[in-house]
Protein backbone atom coordinates (compact mmCIF):
# COMPACT_ATOMS: atom_id res chain seq x y z
CA MET A 1 25.07 40.64 -19.46
CA LYS A 2 24.54 37.45 -17.51
CA ALA A 3 23.62 34.27 -19.38
CA PRO A 4 19.97 33.13 -19.09
CA HIS A 5 21.12 30.08 -17.13
CA GLU A 6 22.73 32.22 -14.43
CA VAL A 7 19.79 34.62 -14.27
CA ALA A 8 17.31 31.77 -13.97
CA LEU A 9 19.33 30.11 -11.18
CA LYS A 10 19.53 33.36 -9.26
CA VAL A 11 15.76 33.83 -9.48
CA LEU A 12 14.85 30.24 -8.63
CA SER A 13 17.15 30.03 -5.60
CA SER A 14 16.17 33.44 -4.25
CA PRO A 15 14.56 34.09 -0.85
CA GLU A 16 11.46 35.37 -2.65
CA LEU A 17 10.76 31.89 -4.07
CA GLU A 18 11.87 29.94 -1.00
CA PRO A 19 8.29 28.99 0.00
CA ILE A 20 7.66 27.16 -3.29
CA VAL A 21 11.11 26.08 -4.56
CA GLU A 22 12.93 23.34 -2.67
CA ILE A 23 15.91 22.69 -4.94
CA VAL A 24 17.10 23.47 -8.47
CA LEU A 25 18.95 20.64 -10.25
CA PHE A 26 21.15 20.90 -13.33
CA SER A 27 24.15 19.43 -15.11
CA THR A 28 27.08 21.72 -15.78
CA GLU A 29 28.78 19.24 -18.12
CA THR A 30 28.62 15.51 -18.84
CA GLY A 31 29.14 13.63 -15.60
CA THR A 32 28.95 16.73 -13.38
CA TYR A 33 25.83 17.87 -11.58
CA GLU A 34 24.69 20.52 -9.14
CA ALA A 35 21.83 20.97 -6.71
CA ARG A 36 21.15 24.50 -5.48
CA ALA A 37 18.79 25.79 -2.79
CA VAL A 38 18.29 29.13 -1.13
CA ASP A 39 20.73 28.18 1.64
CA GLY A 40 23.40 26.17 -0.13
CA ALA A 41 24.61 24.10 -3.06
CA VAL A 42 26.45 20.88 -3.84
CA CYS A 43 28.40 19.91 -6.95
CA PHE A 44 29.14 16.23 -7.58
CA HIS A 45 30.68 13.95 -10.21
CA ARG A 46 29.74 10.56 -11.58
CA ARG A 47 32.23 7.86 -12.55
CA PRO A 48 31.57 4.30 -13.75
CA SER A 49 32.05 1.41 -11.34
CA LYS A 50 31.76 -2.34 -11.98
CA ASN A 51 27.98 -2.52 -12.36
CA GLY A 52 26.89 1.07 -11.92
CA TRP A 53 28.21 4.45 -10.84
CA THR A 54 30.33 5.97 -8.11
CA PHE A 55 29.46 9.50 -7.00
CA GLU A 56 31.94 11.94 -5.51
CA THR A 57 31.19 15.34 -4.00
CA GLU A 58 33.35 18.08 -5.49
CA SER A 59 32.25 21.08 -3.47
CA VAL A 60 29.64 22.31 -1.01
CA GLU A 61 28.61 25.91 -0.43
CA GLY A 62 26.59 26.53 2.73
CA ARG A 63 24.18 23.63 3.39
CA ASN A 64 24.35 20.59 1.12
CA PRO A 65 20.75 20.33 -0.23
CA LEU A 66 21.14 16.59 -0.95
CA GLU A 67 23.00 15.59 2.20
CA LEU A 68 20.05 13.72 3.73
CA GLN A 69 19.25 10.57 1.74
CA ASP A 70 17.66 8.41 4.45
CA PRO A 71 14.88 6.19 2.95
CA SER A 72 13.40 5.51 6.39
CA ARG A 73 12.57 9.13 7.19
CA PHE A 74 8.87 9.95 7.81
CA ALA A 75 7.76 6.33 8.16
CA PRO A 76 5.45 4.86 9.38
CA LEU A 77 2.28 6.95 9.02
CA ALA A 78 2.49 8.52 12.49
CA ALA A 79 5.93 9.90 11.65
CA GLU A 80 4.64 11.34 8.38
CA THR A 81 1.62 13.03 9.95
CA ARG A 82 3.81 14.56 12.67
CA ALA A 83 5.97 16.18 10.01
CA ARG A 84 3.61 17.55 7.39
CA TYR A 85 5.26 19.96 4.94
CA PRO A 86 8.80 19.12 6.18
CA ASP A 87 11.31 21.90 5.72
CA ARG A 88 14.14 21.41 3.23
CA THR A 89 16.64 21.24 6.08
CA VAL A 90 15.09 18.01 7.42
CA ASN A 91 13.80 16.48 4.20
CA SER A 92 15.39 13.39 2.69
CA TYR A 93 16.13 12.45 -0.94
CA PRO A 94 16.99 8.74 -1.25
CA PHE A 95 19.49 7.83 -3.98
CA ALA A 96 19.66 11.54 -4.79
CA PHE A 97 22.87 11.54 -6.82
CA GLU A 98 21.76 8.59 -8.94
CA GLN A 99 18.31 10.13 -9.40
CA VAL A 100 19.66 13.46 -10.60
CA ALA A 101 22.29 12.01 -12.93
CA GLN A 102 19.99 9.60 -14.78
CA VAL A 103 17.61 12.34 -15.89
CA PHE A 104 20.41 14.23 -17.63
CA ASP A 105 21.36 11.12 -19.62
CA HIS A 106 18.22 11.69 -21.69
CA PRO A 107 18.86 13.77 -24.86
CA CYS A 108 15.73 15.83 -24.08
CA ALA A 109 16.69 16.58 -20.48
CA PRO A 110 15.79 20.13 -19.42
CA ASP A 111 18.30 22.85 -18.61
CA LEU A 112 16.98 23.09 -15.06
CA ILE A 113 14.76 20.91 -12.89
CA VAL A 114 12.81 22.84 -10.29
CA VAL A 115 11.73 20.76 -7.30
CA HIS A 116 8.57 22.00 -5.60
CA SER A 117 8.74 22.56 -1.86
CA THR A 118 6.78 20.01 0.15
CA ALA A 119 4.19 22.65 1.08
CA HIS A 120 3.71 24.10 -2.41
CA SER A 121 0.15 23.65 -3.61
CA TYR A 122 -0.22 24.08 -7.35
CA GLY A 123 -3.10 23.31 -9.64
CA GLU A 124 -6.24 22.00 -7.95
CA ASN A 125 -4.65 19.11 -6.10
CA ILE A 126 -3.97 18.84 -2.37
CA GLY A 127 -1.96 15.64 -2.80
CA GLN A 128 1.24 16.16 -4.78
CA HIS A 129 4.15 14.19 -6.22
CA GLY A 130 7.00 14.69 -8.69
CA SER A 131 9.76 15.53 -6.19
CA PRO A 132 12.60 13.13 -5.31
CA ASP A 133 11.81 13.68 -1.62
CA VAL A 134 11.16 10.56 0.40
CA VAL A 135 7.37 10.82 0.84
CA GLN A 136 6.68 11.61 -2.81
CA ALA A 137 9.12 8.94 -4.01
CA ARG A 138 8.06 6.19 -1.59
CA ALA A 139 5.76 3.65 -3.23
CA PRO A 140 4.48 0.56 -1.40
CA PHE A 141 6.26 -2.71 -2.09
CA VAL A 142 4.61 -6.06 -1.25
CA LEU A 143 5.76 -9.42 -2.60
CA ALA A 144 3.78 -12.51 -1.62
CA GLY A 145 2.77 -16.06 -2.41
CA ALA A 146 4.55 -18.98 -4.02
CA GLY A 147 8.33 -18.79 -4.03
CA VAL A 148 8.46 -15.80 -1.68
CA ARG A 149 9.93 -15.86 1.82
CA LYS A 150 7.33 -15.16 4.50
CA LEU A 151 8.87 -12.35 6.55
CA GLY A 152 5.94 -9.95 6.93
CA MET A 153 6.69 -6.24 7.35
CA VAL A 154 10.44 -5.56 7.42
CA ASP A 155 12.48 -2.39 7.87
CA ARG A 156 13.81 -2.29 4.34
CA HIS A 157 13.56 -0.37 1.09
CA CYS A 158 14.33 -0.86 -2.59
CA ARG A 159 13.88 1.03 -5.85
CA LEU A 160 11.09 0.69 -8.40
CA ILE A 161 13.72 -0.22 -10.98
CA ASP A 162 14.40 -3.36 -8.93
CA VAL A 163 10.86 -4.68 -9.53
CA ALA A 164 11.21 -5.90 -13.13
CA PRO A 165 14.38 -7.94 -12.58
CA THR A 166 12.91 -9.33 -9.35
CA VAL A 167 9.77 -10.51 -11.18
CA LEU A 168 11.87 -12.26 -13.81
CA ALA A 169 14.12 -13.84 -11.18
CA LEU A 170 11.02 -15.02 -9.31
CA LEU A 171 9.80 -16.69 -12.50
CA GLY A 172 13.14 -18.48 -12.79
CA ILE A 173 14.45 -16.69 -15.88
CA GLU A 174 18.18 -17.19 -16.29
CA PRO A 175 20.36 -14.06 -16.53
CA GLY A 176 22.40 -13.34 -19.61
CA ARG A 177 24.25 -10.67 -21.53
CA GLY A 178 22.92 -7.13 -21.69
CA THR A 179 23.56 -3.52 -20.74
CA GLY A 180 23.91 -2.40 -17.13
CA ALA A 181 23.16 0.85 -15.34
CA ASN A 182 26.32 2.61 -16.53
CA GLY A 183 25.78 1.68 -20.17
CA THR A 184 28.43 -1.05 -20.32
CA GLU A 185 27.94 -4.74 -21.00
CA ARG A 186 27.12 -7.20 -18.23
CA GLU A 187 26.78 -10.98 -18.30
CA ASP A 188 24.18 -11.26 -15.54
CA VAL A 189 21.15 -9.15 -16.47
CA LEU A 190 17.55 -10.26 -16.91
CA LEU A 191 16.50 -7.49 -19.30
CA SER A 192 18.38 -6.18 -22.32
CA ARG A 193 19.02 -2.88 -20.48
CA GLN A 194 18.82 -3.06 -16.69
CA ASP A 195 19.42 -0.35 -14.08
CA GLY A 196 17.85 -2.23 -11.17
CA GLU A 197 18.91 -5.41 -9.40
CA PRO A 198 16.86 -8.52 -8.59
CA LEU A 199 16.09 -8.97 -4.89
CA HIS A 200 17.17 -12.60 -4.75
CA GLU A 201 17.19 -12.64 -0.96
CA LEU A 202 13.39 -12.36 -0.91
CA LEU A 203 12.92 -15.57 -2.85
CA GLU A 204 12.61 -19.07 -1.43
CA PRO A 205 15.54 -21.19 -2.57
CA GLY A 206 14.61 -23.89 -5.05
CA ARG A 207 11.01 -22.81 -5.63
CA ARG A 208 9.79 -20.75 -8.55
CA PRO A 209 6.08 -20.07 -9.23
CA GLN A 210 4.56 -20.54 -12.66
CA HIS A 211 2.52 -17.34 -12.39
CA VAL A 212 3.18 -13.78 -11.19
CA VAL A 213 0.28 -11.35 -10.74
CA ALA A 214 1.29 -7.68 -10.41
CA VAL A 215 -1.07 -4.98 -9.17
CA LEU A 216 -0.30 -1.27 -9.35
CA ALA A 217 -2.26 1.09 -7.08
CA ASP A 218 -1.44 4.36 -8.78
CA GLY A 219 -0.23 7.19 -6.55
CA CYS A 220 -0.82 5.28 -3.32
CA ASN A 221 1.01 6.54 -0.24
CA ALA A 222 2.80 3.55 1.28
CA ASN A 223 2.38 4.70 4.89
CA VAL A 224 -1.38 5.03 4.46
CA LEU A 225 -1.72 1.67 2.73
CA TYR A 226 0.29 -0.18 5.37
CA ASP A 227 -1.59 1.53 8.21
CA MET A 228 -4.94 0.53 6.72
CA ALA A 229 -3.76 -3.04 6.20
CA ASP A 230 -2.61 -3.22 9.81
CA SER A 231 -5.90 -1.81 11.14
CA GLY A 232 -8.10 -4.17 9.11
CA ASP A 233 -9.31 -1.55 6.62
CA ALA A 234 -7.43 -3.24 3.77
CA PRO A 235 -7.75 -6.95 4.61
CA ASN A 236 -6.62 -8.26 1.22
CA VAL A 237 -3.43 -6.21 1.33
CA ASP A 238 -2.91 -7.49 4.87
CA ARG A 239 -3.37 -11.03 3.58
CA LEU A 240 -0.65 -10.48 0.99
CA ILE A 241 1.74 -9.04 3.56
CA ALA A 242 1.12 -11.99 5.88
CA SER A 243 1.87 -14.45 3.08
CA GLY A 244 5.06 -12.75 1.98
CA ILE A 245 7.04 -9.60 2.64
CA ALA A 246 6.49 -5.83 2.65
CA PHE A 247 9.11 -3.09 2.80
CA ARG A 248 8.18 -0.55 5.47
CA TYR A 249 10.26 2.10 3.73
CA GLY A 250 8.87 1.21 0.33
CA ALA A 251 10.27 1.24 -3.17
CA MET A 252 11.70 4.56 -4.34
CA ALA A 253 10.39 5.96 -7.60
CA SER A 254 12.75 7.50 -10.11
CA LEU A 255 12.99 11.25 -10.74
CA PRO A 256 10.62 12.67 -11.84
CA THR A 257 8.29 10.81 -9.49
CA VAL A 258 5.35 10.95 -11.91
CA THR A 259 3.03 8.49 -13.58
CA LEU A 260 4.23 7.33 -16.95
CA ALA A 261 7.93 7.74 -16.26
CA ASN A 262 7.65 5.27 -13.38
CA HIS A 263 5.06 2.95 -14.89
CA THR A 264 7.68 2.41 -17.58
CA SER A 265 10.47 2.06 -15.00
CA LEU A 266 8.46 -0.63 -13.23
CA LEU A 267 7.98 -2.64 -16.43
CA THR A 268 11.54 -2.17 -17.78
CA GLY A 269 13.84 -1.96 -14.76
CA CYS A 270 15.32 1.27 -16.11
CA HIS A 271 15.32 4.90 -15.00
CA PRO A 272 13.35 7.42 -17.13
CA GLY A 273 16.58 8.95 -18.41
CA HIS A 274 17.46 5.57 -19.89
CA HIS A 275 14.18 4.00 -21.04
CA GLY A 276 13.13 7.22 -22.78
CA ILE A 277 9.76 8.11 -21.23
CA LEU A 278 11.25 11.13 -19.49
CA HIS A 279 8.11 12.66 -17.95
CA ASN A 280 4.39 13.00 -18.54
CA ALA A 281 5.41 15.80 -20.94
CA TRP A 282 8.74 17.20 -22.08
CA TYR A 283 10.24 19.24 -24.91
CA ASP A 284 12.29 17.79 -27.76
CA GLN A 285 14.58 20.57 -28.94
CA ALA A 286 15.76 18.56 -31.95
CA LEU A 287 12.19 18.07 -33.16
CA GLN A 288 11.16 21.53 -31.88
CA ARG A 289 8.01 20.11 -30.38
CA GLN A 290 6.37 19.23 -27.10
CA ILE A 291 6.05 15.51 -26.31
CA VAL A 292 2.96 14.65 -24.28
CA THR A 293 2.49 11.07 -23.09
CA VAL A 294 -0.27 11.38 -20.50
CA SER A 295 -3.48 12.54 -22.16
CA ALA A 296 -6.60 10.91 -23.53
CA SER A 297 -5.18 11.12 -27.06
CA THR A 298 -1.58 10.02 -26.35
CA TRP A 299 -1.68 7.32 -23.63
CA GLN A 300 -2.01 4.48 -26.10
CA GLU A 301 0.92 5.64 -28.25
CA ALA A 302 3.30 6.64 -25.45
CA MET A 303 5.64 3.66 -25.85
CA ARG A 304 6.71 4.92 -29.26
CA TRP A 305 9.09 7.18 -27.31
CA MET A 306 10.80 4.28 -25.55
CA ASN A 307 14.47 4.02 -26.45
CA SER A 308 15.81 1.22 -28.61
CA GLY A 309 17.40 -1.65 -26.71
CA ILE A 310 14.85 -1.50 -23.88
CA GLU A 311 12.74 -4.53 -22.93
CA THR A 312 9.59 -4.80 -20.89
CA ILE A 313 8.94 -7.73 -18.54
CA HIS A 314 6.58 -9.07 -21.21
CA GLU A 315 9.29 -9.04 -23.87
CA ALA A 316 12.03 -10.44 -21.64
CA LEU A 317 9.78 -13.31 -20.53
CA LYS A 318 8.69 -14.07 -24.10
CA ARG A 319 12.32 -14.03 -25.23
CA ALA A 320 13.19 -16.68 -22.62
CA ARG A 321 9.90 -18.61 -22.87
CA PRO A 322 8.16 -17.88 -26.19
CA GLN A 323 5.03 -19.87 -25.26
CA SER A 324 4.36 -17.84 -22.11
CA VAL A 325 1.14 -15.83 -22.07
CA THR A 326 1.35 -12.33 -20.60
CA VAL A 327 -1.40 -9.80 -19.90
CA SER A 328 -1.44 -6.01 -19.53
CA VAL A 329 -4.63 -4.44 -18.13
CA ASN A 330 -5.14 -0.66 -18.07
CA GLU A 331 -1.39 -0.16 -18.51
CA PRO A 332 0.27 2.05 -21.17
CA ALA A 333 3.68 0.33 -20.79
CA ASP A 334 2.30 -2.78 -22.45
CA ARG A 335 4.79 -3.63 -25.17
CA GLY A 336 5.07 -7.36 -25.76
CA ALA A 337 1.90 -8.42 -23.92
CA ASP A 338 -0.37 -11.01 -25.55
CA TYR A 339 -3.42 -9.18 -24.26
CA SER A 340 -3.45 -5.41 -23.70
CA THR A 341 -6.22 -2.97 -22.91
CA PHE A 342 -4.32 -0.25 -24.72
CA GLU A 343 -3.96 -2.40 -27.81
CA LEU A 344 -7.77 -2.34 -27.98
CA PHE A 345 -7.51 1.46 -27.86
CA ARG A 346 -5.02 1.40 -30.71
CA GLN A 347 -7.33 -0.86 -32.72
CA GLN A 348 -10.32 1.36 -31.87
CA LYS A 349 -12.06 -1.56 -30.20
CA VAL A 350 -12.39 -0.11 -26.75
CA ASP A 351 -16.17 -0.09 -27.11
CA LEU A 352 -15.99 -3.85 -26.49
CA LEU A 353 -15.10 -3.02 -22.88
CA LEU A 354 -17.65 -0.31 -22.18
CA PRO A 355 -19.46 -0.93 -18.89
CA ASP A 356 -23.02 -0.33 -17.84
CA VAL A 357 -22.59 3.18 -16.42
CA SER A 358 -26.12 3.38 -15.03
CA GLU A 359 -25.06 1.68 -11.81
CA LEU A 360 -22.00 1.94 -9.64
CA PRO A 361 -19.71 -1.10 -9.84
CA PRO A 362 -18.91 -3.24 -6.79
CA HIS A 363 -16.29 -1.91 -4.37
CA THR A 364 -17.29 1.72 -4.94
CA THR A 365 -17.89 4.17 -2.10
CA ALA A 366 -21.20 5.69 -3.21
CA SER A 367 -20.90 8.94 -1.25
CA PHE A 368 -17.70 9.94 -3.05
CA ALA A 369 -18.77 8.59 -6.44
CA GLU A 370 -21.95 10.67 -6.25
CA SER A 371 -20.28 13.87 -5.06
CA TYR A 372 -16.99 13.81 -7.03
CA GLU A 373 -17.17 12.86 -10.71
CA PRO A 374 -13.52 11.73 -11.05
CA TYR A 375 -14.13 9.23 -8.24
CA ARG A 376 -17.03 7.75 -10.20
CA TRP A 377 -15.09 7.74 -13.47
CA TRP A 378 -11.98 6.02 -12.10
CA SER A 379 -14.10 3.55 -10.14
CA LEU A 380 -15.68 2.53 -13.44
CA ALA A 381 -12.29 2.38 -15.18
CA ASP A 382 -10.85 0.18 -12.44
CA ALA A 383 -13.95 -2.04 -12.47
CA VAL A 384 -13.55 -2.51 -16.23
CA GLY A 385 -9.90 -3.41 -15.69
CA LEU A 386 -10.80 -5.90 -12.99
CA ARG A 387 -13.41 -7.48 -15.24
CA GLN A 388 -10.83 -7.95 -18.00
CA ALA A 389 -8.33 -9.54 -15.64
CA CYS A 390 -10.88 -11.84 -14.00
CA SER A 391 -12.27 -12.92 -17.38
CA ILE A 392 -8.80 -13.85 -18.61
CA TRP A 393 -8.08 -15.75 -15.41
CA GLY A 394 -11.47 -17.41 -15.90
CA GLY A 395 -10.20 -18.78 -19.21
CA ARG A 396 -12.09 -16.72 -21.78
CA HIS A 397 -12.28 -13.02 -22.64
CA LEU A 398 -13.77 -11.33 -25.73
CA ASP A 399 -14.29 -14.75 -27.34
CA VAL A 400 -10.63 -15.74 -26.93
CA ASP A 401 -9.50 -18.64 -24.74
CA TYR A 402 -6.63 -18.02 -22.34
CA PRO A 403 -4.56 -20.32 -20.16
CA PRO A 404 -3.55 -18.98 -16.74
CA PRO A 405 -1.06 -16.20 -17.65
CA ALA A 406 2.58 -16.56 -16.67
CA PHE A 407 2.64 -12.82 -15.99
CA SER A 408 -0.27 -10.43 -15.63
CA TRP A 409 -0.16 -6.74 -14.80
CA VAL A 410 -3.23 -4.82 -13.62
CA SER A 411 -3.16 -1.05 -13.04
CA PHE A 412 -5.75 0.61 -10.79
CA SER A 413 -6.04 4.40 -10.94
CA LEU A 414 -8.69 5.36 -8.37
CA THR A 415 -6.10 5.77 -5.62
CA ASP A 416 -4.21 8.40 -7.61
CA ALA A 417 -7.35 10.46 -8.28
CA ALA A 418 -8.51 10.31 -4.65
CA PHE A 419 -5.09 10.95 -3.10
CA HIS A 420 -4.69 13.99 -5.36
CA ALA A 421 -8.15 15.30 -4.53
CA GLY A 422 -8.01 15.13 -0.75
CA GLY A 423 -4.37 14.47 0.01
CA PRO A 424 -3.09 11.16 1.39
CA HIS A 425 -4.49 11.77 4.88
CA SER A 426 -8.07 12.39 3.77
CA GLU A 427 -11.15 10.20 4.05
CA ILE A 428 -11.54 10.13 0.26
CA ALA A 429 -8.04 8.65 0.02
CA ARG A 430 -8.87 5.98 2.58
CA ALA A 431 -12.10 5.17 0.77
CA ALA A 432 -10.13 4.66 -2.45
CA VAL A 433 -7.80 2.25 -0.66
CA ARG A 434 -10.76 0.27 0.70
CA ASP A 435 -12.34 0.08 -2.74
CA THR A 436 -9.07 -0.94 -4.39
CA ASP A 437 -8.46 -3.53 -1.69
CA GLY A 438 -11.83 -5.07 -2.56
CA ARG A 439 -10.82 -5.31 -6.22
CA ILE A 440 -7.50 -6.89 -5.24
CA GLY A 441 -9.50 -9.46 -3.29
CA ASP A 442 -11.62 -10.26 -6.34
CA LEU A 443 -8.47 -10.72 -8.42
CA ILE A 444 -7.03 -13.14 -5.85
CA VAL A 445 -10.29 -15.10 -5.96
CA ALA A 446 -10.08 -15.28 -9.77
CA VAL A 447 -6.58 -16.74 -9.53
CA GLU A 448 -7.82 -19.21 -6.92
CA ARG A 449 -10.74 -20.28 -9.13
CA ALA A 450 -8.26 -20.91 -11.94
CA GLY A 451 -6.76 -23.57 -9.68
CA VAL A 452 -3.25 -22.09 -9.53
CA LEU A 453 -3.25 -20.02 -6.34
CA GLU A 454 -0.68 -22.31 -4.71
CA ASP A 455 1.62 -21.76 -7.68
CA ALA A 456 1.15 -17.99 -8.00
CA ALA A 457 3.05 -15.04 -6.57
CA PHE A 458 1.67 -11.52 -6.19
CA ILE A 459 3.35 -8.15 -6.21
CA LEU A 460 1.69 -4.90 -5.12
CA VAL A 461 3.35 -1.58 -5.93
CA ALA A 462 2.63 2.02 -6.93
CA ASP A 463 4.33 4.30 -9.43
CA HIS A 464 5.16 6.94 -6.81
CA GLY A 465 4.04 8.18 -3.43
CA MET A 466 1.83 11.14 -2.56
CA GLU A 467 2.41 14.02 -0.15
CA GLN A 468 0.04 16.47 1.50
CA SER A 469 0.56 20.05 0.34
CA ASP A 470 -0.50 23.22 2.12
CA PRO A 471 -3.29 25.08 0.26
CA ARG A 472 -2.02 28.31 1.79
CA VAL A 473 1.35 28.02 0.02
CA VAL A 474 0.84 29.01 -3.59
CA GLY A 475 2.80 30.82 -6.26
CA ASP A 476 4.40 30.47 -9.68
CA TRP A 477 8.15 30.73 -10.24
CA GLY A 478 7.39 31.57 -13.86
CA ASP A 479 6.40 35.06 -12.78
CA GLY A 480 9.86 35.65 -11.34
CA LEU A 481 11.60 34.27 -14.41
CA ARG A 482 9.57 36.43 -16.76
CA ALA A 483 10.17 39.51 -14.63
CA ALA A 484 13.91 38.85 -14.93
CA GLY A 485 13.68 38.63 -18.71
CA VAL A 486 14.26 34.88 -18.96
CA ASP A 487 12.74 33.26 -22.03
CA PHE A 488 11.79 29.68 -21.14
CA ARG A 489 9.43 26.74 -21.43
CA ASP A 490 8.16 25.03 -18.28
CA GLU A 491 7.07 21.47 -19.04
CA SER A 492 5.08 19.49 -16.46
CA SER A 493 5.65 22.20 -13.86
CA GLY A 494 9.35 21.91 -13.19
CA PHE A 495 11.27 20.99 -16.35
CA ILE A 496 12.72 24.34 -17.46
CA TYR A 497 14.01 24.68 -21.03
CA LEU A 498 15.82 27.95 -21.71
CA THR A 499 15.64 29.58 -25.13
CA ARG A 500 19.01 29.46 -26.86
């Protein structure tokens, strides 16, 4: 009798599931990994190098599913729209070997990772993410303001794990001893554990701002955002690009390209397999329980699953400069912040933030807010977040006085809800970008009113990209696994745990 692992692989890489399964990823033993598709497979090894890893291909059968790793593919927007639902043979998976390997470093890594095909439409959403493919992984990356070189849009890319060390370098924090990407000690890291690298070449020599303001536009497709900035539909984003630098090919999210895994990667500079927030949900076989981090009841406690020895930007900055004030607005990865929205949740004081829900807040597209309840809800949530940030920058919030923060992080979620609902090429998605751009403008004004705009830098990112799926391509690989007698758990639609 074949082992469940072999049976499951045969089912998942079969022609019957080809329309919905792009690749199956797994680790055969420590340091050895495989990617398998319907038309081929690759096996590769990982070995430590000076500051990271070296990857070597051991064998290829048929077509190598991870051969294409070009971060520039399907950019700008015109290139993406010409190639909707790209076939696996032309799709690209930037940093694929690194992305696969880091997941299996986590003690709760699944037995198999199933990557949805680009066309696969599952659940109620037209816009999808989670795959390591280039469109779903590509988040926007804009760095602007004081201390930043003014280069405009450039044909470059980076990784989301590079953001945290870049922020700390921009603030002038000196590197020191810590743990690098391969788990060994380094003398030149900015966080206690650091997988990413600071982008020093983007910074003006000799000038370091006193303030960094970070904005996350959740789930925002970089091509769409840049196109709207260029056309005048997102004037505040365009203003940031003009006063700094934007990467046309974006910042690549870590696998899995989902919300909380990459929010945490952005704030820690570590991959999910290393910082501990593996997915929005996963299974802990040692505890024999499901771990859920993205739900109304678990958001505020999600950081309890972060591994020891991991620092956030807040903590690293406070370690270097204990008097620095840092702020975390609408962000679960908030550990170490002086002010945090989610700390109010933990203290059951969120009622202090409740808005007047009888009227729509500014920068809200009424037609979508009135016809689609999630649009209204997330518009209100983002407006509440903006109000917190602007109050703090104004010097007083909830009867507490604040100086201009050294580091503030503001997460906006409307873009994710709208891009999911209509797909990244829809009018509801573009409306969400316009509304979010208006809120970014208000935040810039608040910094200006605080009198520190000339000494402030801004960073605009997302936690992942978003790709248009095809509503005609549906199906559930679980049916095939059950028909073959495989006993399994499927967490977050793609993390397969086999019963032992």
